[in-house]
N, C-alpha and C. Protein backbone atom coordinates (compact mmCIF):
# COMPACT_ATOMS: atom_id res chain seq x y z
N MET A 1 19.74 -47.46 17.33
CA MET A 1 19.27 -47.19 15.98
C MET A 1 20.33 -47.65 14.99
N PRO A 2 19.99 -48.46 14.04
CA PRO A 2 20.98 -48.95 13.06
C PRO A 2 21.43 -47.84 12.13
N ARG A 3 22.67 -47.96 11.65
CA ARG A 3 23.19 -47.01 10.67
C ARG A 3 22.52 -47.21 9.35
N PRO A 4 22.21 -46.14 8.65
CA PRO A 4 21.59 -46.31 7.33
C PRO A 4 22.59 -46.76 6.27
N PHE A 5 22.15 -47.65 5.45
CA PHE A 5 22.94 -48.12 4.30
C PHE A 5 22.02 -48.02 3.08
N LEU A 6 22.63 -47.84 1.94
CA LEU A 6 21.88 -47.85 0.71
C LEU A 6 21.46 -49.32 0.48
N GLU A 7 20.18 -49.55 0.36
CA GLU A 7 19.69 -50.90 0.19
C GLU A 7 20.09 -51.44 -1.17
N GLU A 8 20.39 -52.75 -1.18
CA GLU A 8 20.83 -53.41 -2.42
C GLU A 8 19.84 -53.19 -3.56
N ALA A 9 18.56 -53.13 -3.21
CA ALA A 9 17.53 -52.93 -4.23
C ALA A 9 17.68 -51.60 -4.97
N HIS A 10 18.42 -50.68 -4.34
CA HIS A 10 18.63 -49.37 -4.94
C HIS A 10 20.02 -49.23 -5.59
N ILE A 11 20.68 -50.37 -5.80
CA ILE A 11 21.95 -50.40 -6.49
C ILE A 11 21.71 -51.19 -7.77
N HIS A 12 22.04 -50.58 -8.87
CA HIS A 12 21.80 -51.27 -10.18
C HIS A 12 22.53 -52.61 -10.23
N PRO A 13 21.91 -53.63 -10.76
CA PRO A 13 22.56 -54.95 -10.82
C PRO A 13 23.92 -54.93 -11.52
N ASP A 14 24.13 -54.03 -12.46
CA ASP A 14 25.39 -54.00 -13.19
C ASP A 14 26.56 -53.60 -12.29
N VAL A 15 26.30 -52.87 -11.17
CA VAL A 15 27.38 -52.42 -10.34
C VAL A 15 27.40 -53.07 -8.94
N ARG A 16 26.47 -53.95 -8.67
CA ARG A 16 26.39 -54.56 -7.33
C ARG A 16 27.68 -55.31 -6.98
N GLU A 17 28.25 -56.02 -7.91
CA GLU A 17 29.48 -56.78 -7.59
C GLU A 17 30.62 -55.79 -7.29
N ALA A 18 30.72 -54.74 -8.05
CA ALA A 18 31.78 -53.76 -7.78
C ALA A 18 31.63 -53.11 -6.42
N VAL A 19 30.41 -52.81 -6.05
CA VAL A 19 30.13 -52.23 -4.72
C VAL A 19 30.47 -53.25 -3.64
N ALA A 20 30.07 -54.51 -3.82
CA ALA A 20 30.29 -55.53 -2.83
C ALA A 20 31.77 -55.86 -2.64
N ASN A 21 32.58 -55.72 -3.68
CA ASN A 21 33.97 -56.12 -3.62
C ASN A 21 34.95 -54.97 -3.49
N HIS A 22 34.42 -53.74 -3.37
CA HIS A 22 35.30 -52.57 -3.27
C HIS A 22 36.19 -52.68 -2.04
N GLN A 23 37.51 -52.66 -2.27
CA GLN A 23 38.52 -52.72 -1.19
C GLN A 23 38.32 -53.93 -0.26
N SER A 24 37.83 -55.03 -0.83
CA SER A 24 37.51 -56.20 -0.01
C SER A 24 38.77 -56.82 0.65
N ASP A 25 39.95 -56.60 0.07
CA ASP A 25 41.16 -57.14 0.66
C ASP A 25 41.43 -56.56 2.05
N ILE A 26 41.34 -55.24 2.17
CA ILE A 26 41.59 -54.62 3.45
C ILE A 26 40.51 -54.96 4.46
N LEU A 27 39.28 -55.04 4.02
CA LEU A 27 38.20 -55.41 4.91
C LEU A 27 38.36 -56.83 5.41
N ARG A 28 38.75 -57.75 4.57
CA ARG A 28 39.02 -59.13 5.01
C ARG A 28 40.13 -59.17 6.05
N GLU A 29 41.21 -58.43 5.78
CA GLU A 29 42.36 -58.41 6.72
C GLU A 29 41.94 -57.89 8.10
N VAL A 30 41.22 -56.77 8.10
CA VAL A 30 40.82 -56.15 9.37
C VAL A 30 39.78 -57.08 10.08
N ARG A 31 38.83 -57.59 9.36
CA ARG A 31 37.82 -58.44 10.00
C ARG A 31 38.46 -59.69 10.60
N ALA A 32 39.46 -60.26 9.91
CA ALA A 32 40.16 -61.42 10.45
C ALA A 32 40.91 -61.07 11.73
N ALA A 33 41.60 -59.95 11.70
CA ALA A 33 42.36 -59.51 12.90
C ALA A 33 41.43 -59.27 14.10
N VAL A 34 40.31 -58.61 13.85
CA VAL A 34 39.37 -58.28 14.90
C VAL A 34 38.75 -59.55 15.46
N THR A 35 38.60 -60.57 14.63
CA THR A 35 38.06 -61.85 15.09
C THR A 35 39.10 -62.66 15.87
N GLN A 36 40.38 -62.58 15.45
CA GLN A 36 41.41 -63.41 16.03
C GLN A 36 42.14 -62.85 17.23
N HIS A 37 42.12 -61.53 17.46
CA HIS A 37 42.89 -60.92 18.50
C HIS A 37 41.98 -60.13 19.46
N PRO A 38 42.29 -60.18 20.75
CA PRO A 38 41.47 -59.51 21.72
C PRO A 38 41.45 -57.98 21.56
N VAL A 39 42.59 -57.39 21.24
CA VAL A 39 42.66 -55.95 21.06
C VAL A 39 43.33 -55.65 19.75
N VAL A 40 42.71 -54.82 18.91
CA VAL A 40 43.25 -54.44 17.62
C VAL A 40 43.15 -52.92 17.49
N VAL A 41 44.27 -52.34 17.09
CA VAL A 41 44.32 -50.90 16.79
C VAL A 41 44.61 -50.76 15.33
N ILE A 42 43.79 -50.00 14.63
CA ILE A 42 43.98 -49.74 13.20
C ILE A 42 44.36 -48.30 13.08
N GLY A 43 45.52 -48.07 12.46
CA GLY A 43 46.00 -46.70 12.36
C GLY A 43 46.70 -46.37 11.07
N MET A 44 47.45 -45.30 11.12
CA MET A 44 48.18 -44.80 9.97
C MET A 44 49.42 -44.11 10.46
N ARG A 45 50.45 -44.06 9.59
CA ARG A 45 51.71 -43.41 9.92
C ARG A 45 51.50 -41.92 10.15
N MET A 46 52.35 -41.34 10.99
CA MET A 46 52.44 -39.91 11.20
C MET A 46 51.20 -39.34 11.93
N ASN A 47 50.32 -40.18 12.45
CA ASN A 47 49.16 -39.69 13.14
C ASN A 47 49.39 -39.80 14.64
N PRO A 48 49.48 -38.64 15.31
CA PRO A 48 49.79 -38.67 16.73
C PRO A 48 48.70 -39.33 17.59
N VAL A 49 47.45 -39.31 17.11
CA VAL A 49 46.38 -39.92 17.90
C VAL A 49 46.49 -41.47 17.86
N CYS A 50 46.92 -41.99 16.71
CA CYS A 50 47.14 -43.42 16.64
C CYS A 50 48.27 -43.81 17.58
N LYS A 51 49.32 -42.99 17.63
CA LYS A 51 50.43 -43.24 18.54
C LYS A 51 49.96 -43.19 20.00
N LYS A 52 49.05 -42.26 20.29
CA LYS A 52 48.53 -42.13 21.68
C LYS A 52 47.79 -43.42 22.06
N ALA A 53 47.01 -43.98 21.21
CA ALA A 53 46.30 -45.22 21.53
C ALA A 53 47.28 -46.33 21.87
N ARG A 54 48.30 -46.47 21.05
CA ARG A 54 49.29 -47.51 21.29
C ARG A 54 50.05 -47.25 22.59
N GLN A 55 50.35 -46.01 22.87
CA GLN A 55 51.07 -45.67 24.12
C GLN A 55 50.21 -45.98 25.35
N LEU A 56 48.91 -45.74 25.24
CA LEU A 56 48.02 -46.09 26.38
C LEU A 56 48.06 -47.58 26.66
N LEU A 57 48.03 -48.37 25.64
CA LEU A 57 48.08 -49.82 25.80
C LEU A 57 49.44 -50.27 26.25
N ASP A 58 50.48 -49.71 25.68
CA ASP A 58 51.86 -50.07 26.09
C ASP A 58 52.12 -49.75 27.56
N ALA A 59 51.57 -48.61 28.01
CA ALA A 59 51.79 -48.19 29.40
C ALA A 59 51.20 -49.15 30.40
N GLU A 60 50.16 -49.88 29.97
CA GLU A 60 49.51 -50.88 30.84
C GLU A 60 49.96 -52.28 30.49
N SER A 61 50.94 -52.43 29.60
CA SER A 61 51.45 -53.72 29.16
C SER A 61 50.35 -54.60 28.58
N ILE A 62 49.44 -54.00 27.87
CA ILE A 62 48.33 -54.73 27.23
C ILE A 62 48.72 -55.10 25.82
N PRO A 63 48.78 -56.40 25.52
CA PRO A 63 49.12 -56.80 24.16
C PRO A 63 48.00 -56.42 23.17
N TYR A 64 48.42 -56.06 21.96
CA TYR A 64 47.45 -55.69 20.95
C TYR A 64 48.07 -55.94 19.57
N THR A 65 47.22 -56.02 18.60
CA THR A 65 47.64 -56.15 17.21
C THR A 65 47.44 -54.78 16.56
N TYR A 66 48.51 -54.33 15.88
CA TYR A 66 48.42 -53.02 15.24
C TYR A 66 48.47 -53.20 13.72
N LEU A 67 47.48 -52.66 13.04
CA LEU A 67 47.47 -52.66 11.57
C LEU A 67 47.59 -51.22 11.11
N GLU A 68 48.56 -50.97 10.24
CA GLU A 68 48.80 -49.61 9.78
C GLU A 68 48.60 -49.52 8.28
N TYR A 69 47.84 -48.51 7.89
CA TYR A 69 47.51 -48.37 6.48
C TYR A 69 47.85 -46.95 6.03
N GLY A 70 49.03 -46.83 5.41
CA GLY A 70 49.45 -45.58 4.82
C GLY A 70 49.65 -44.44 5.77
N SER A 71 49.68 -43.24 5.20
CA SER A 71 49.84 -42.01 5.95
C SER A 71 48.81 -41.02 5.44
N TYR A 72 48.95 -39.76 5.83
CA TYR A 72 47.97 -38.78 5.41
C TYR A 72 47.81 -38.71 3.87
N LEU A 73 48.90 -38.94 3.18
CA LEU A 73 48.88 -38.81 1.73
C LEU A 73 48.82 -40.08 0.97
N SER A 74 48.90 -41.24 1.64
CA SER A 74 48.85 -42.50 0.91
C SER A 74 47.81 -43.43 1.53
N GLU A 75 47.30 -44.27 0.69
CA GLU A 75 46.31 -45.30 1.03
C GLU A 75 45.01 -44.76 1.64
N TRP A 76 44.70 -43.48 1.35
CA TRP A 76 43.48 -42.90 1.92
C TRP A 76 42.23 -43.57 1.35
N ARG A 77 42.29 -44.06 0.11
CA ARG A 77 41.11 -44.76 -0.43
C ARG A 77 40.86 -46.07 0.30
N ARG A 78 41.93 -46.75 0.63
CA ARG A 78 41.77 -48.02 1.37
C ARG A 78 41.22 -47.72 2.76
N ARG A 79 41.78 -46.70 3.41
CA ARG A 79 41.27 -46.33 4.74
C ARG A 79 39.80 -45.91 4.68
N ASN A 80 39.44 -45.22 3.60
CA ASN A 80 38.05 -44.80 3.47
C ASN A 80 37.11 -46.01 3.47
N ALA A 81 37.51 -47.11 2.88
CA ALA A 81 36.68 -48.32 2.90
C ALA A 81 36.48 -48.77 4.34
N LEU A 82 37.49 -48.68 5.18
CA LEU A 82 37.35 -49.04 6.59
C LEU A 82 36.38 -48.11 7.32
N LYS A 83 36.44 -46.82 6.98
CA LYS A 83 35.51 -45.88 7.57
C LYS A 83 34.07 -46.20 7.18
N MET A 84 33.88 -46.53 5.92
CA MET A 84 32.51 -46.85 5.47
C MET A 84 32.04 -48.15 6.15
N TRP A 85 32.91 -49.12 6.27
CA TRP A 85 32.56 -50.40 6.87
C TRP A 85 32.18 -50.22 8.36
N SER A 86 33.06 -49.51 9.08
CA SER A 86 32.85 -49.40 10.56
C SER A 86 31.91 -48.31 10.94
N GLY A 87 31.83 -47.26 10.12
CA GLY A 87 31.03 -46.10 10.49
C GLY A 87 31.85 -45.13 11.35
N TRP A 88 33.07 -45.48 11.72
CA TRP A 88 33.90 -44.63 12.56
C TRP A 88 34.70 -43.68 11.63
N PRO A 89 34.62 -42.36 11.84
CA PRO A 89 35.13 -41.41 10.87
C PRO A 89 36.62 -41.11 10.96
N THR A 90 37.30 -41.55 12.02
CA THR A 90 38.72 -41.16 12.18
C THR A 90 39.58 -42.38 12.54
N PHE A 91 40.88 -42.13 12.58
CA PHE A 91 41.86 -43.12 13.04
C PHE A 91 42.54 -42.57 14.27
N PRO A 92 42.81 -43.51 15.20
CA PRO A 92 42.74 -44.94 15.10
C PRO A 92 41.29 -45.45 15.30
N MET A 93 41.13 -46.70 14.97
CA MET A 93 39.95 -47.44 15.28
C MET A 93 40.42 -48.53 16.26
N VAL A 94 39.81 -48.59 17.40
CA VAL A 94 40.22 -49.56 18.44
C VAL A 94 39.10 -50.55 18.62
N PHE A 95 39.45 -51.82 18.52
CA PHE A 95 38.47 -52.89 18.68
C PHE A 95 38.88 -53.70 19.90
N VAL A 96 37.93 -54.06 20.72
CA VAL A 96 38.16 -54.95 21.87
C VAL A 96 37.19 -56.11 21.76
N ARG A 97 37.73 -57.30 21.64
CA ARG A 97 36.92 -58.51 21.52
C ARG A 97 35.86 -58.36 20.43
N GLY A 98 36.32 -57.78 19.30
CA GLY A 98 35.42 -57.66 18.14
C GLY A 98 34.50 -56.47 18.14
N THR A 99 34.52 -55.67 19.21
CA THR A 99 33.65 -54.50 19.31
C THR A 99 34.44 -53.22 19.13
N LEU A 100 33.98 -52.38 18.24
CA LEU A 100 34.59 -51.08 18.04
C LEU A 100 34.31 -50.23 19.27
N VAL A 101 35.40 -49.76 19.94
CA VAL A 101 35.20 -48.93 21.14
C VAL A 101 35.49 -47.45 20.83
N GLY A 102 35.93 -47.14 19.60
CA GLY A 102 36.18 -45.76 19.21
C GLY A 102 37.66 -45.54 18.94
N GLY A 103 38.12 -44.34 19.29
CA GLY A 103 39.52 -43.94 19.05
C GLY A 103 40.30 -43.88 20.35
N ALA A 104 41.38 -43.12 20.33
CA ALA A 104 42.29 -43.03 21.48
C ALA A 104 41.63 -42.42 22.71
N ASP A 105 40.87 -41.34 22.53
CA ASP A 105 40.20 -40.70 23.67
C ASP A 105 39.17 -41.61 24.28
N ASP A 106 38.45 -42.33 23.43
CA ASP A 106 37.43 -43.27 23.90
C ASP A 106 38.10 -44.43 24.67
N LEU A 107 39.23 -44.89 24.16
CA LEU A 107 39.99 -45.95 24.84
C LEU A 107 40.44 -45.44 26.21
N GLN A 108 40.91 -44.20 26.24
CA GLN A 108 41.39 -43.66 27.51
C GLN A 108 40.26 -43.54 28.52
N ARG A 109 39.08 -43.15 28.09
CA ARG A 109 37.93 -43.08 29.00
C ARG A 109 37.56 -44.46 29.53
N LEU A 110 37.53 -45.47 28.61
CA LEU A 110 37.20 -46.83 29.04
C LEU A 110 38.23 -47.36 30.04
N MET A 111 39.49 -47.07 29.79
CA MET A 111 40.54 -47.51 30.72
C MET A 111 40.41 -46.80 32.05
N GLY A 112 40.10 -45.52 32.05
CA GLY A 112 40.00 -44.74 33.26
C GLY A 112 38.88 -45.19 34.18
N ARG A 113 37.83 -45.71 33.62
CA ARG A 113 36.74 -46.15 34.49
C ARG A 113 36.70 -47.66 34.68
N GLY A 114 37.75 -48.36 34.19
CA GLY A 114 37.87 -49.79 34.45
C GLY A 114 37.08 -50.69 33.51
N GLU A 115 36.33 -50.10 32.62
CA GLU A 115 35.55 -50.90 31.68
C GLU A 115 36.39 -51.64 30.69
N PHE A 116 37.49 -51.06 30.23
CA PHE A 116 38.39 -51.73 29.29
C PHE A 116 38.90 -53.01 29.87
N ALA A 117 39.36 -52.97 31.13
CA ALA A 117 39.89 -54.18 31.80
C ALA A 117 38.82 -55.28 31.84
N ARG A 118 37.57 -54.91 32.10
CA ARG A 118 36.52 -55.91 32.15
C ARG A 118 36.25 -56.50 30.75
N MET A 119 36.35 -55.66 29.74
CA MET A 119 36.14 -56.14 28.39
C MET A 119 37.23 -57.11 27.95
N VAL A 120 38.44 -56.83 28.34
CA VAL A 120 39.58 -57.66 27.87
C VAL A 120 39.63 -58.97 28.65
N SER A 121 39.23 -58.97 29.92
CA SER A 121 39.40 -60.20 30.69
C SER A 121 38.33 -61.24 30.37
């Protein structure tokens, strides 16, 4: 079932450009990384769950690209744009070959059952 979005027809023409371009810089950066790198972790400073995701990958010597956006008190508006774009409500966001696989616990489950290795190879 697709995620619901407010249809463009229900956005007044005067604000459509503002809606379309809101935080577009961070979205471009993340979309480019997800396209160019097999494994991408998007996180934030001081978040132990983001650290857990990186530690899981490091323990298996799996290369990844890490993008960090602020901390609990900074850059939350920019991170919110990523949440709206991906639909994923928390950090980290882990992408494998362009597919959002979830956060650290989801990554750990995929790794535990061997699915992560199949996705990366």
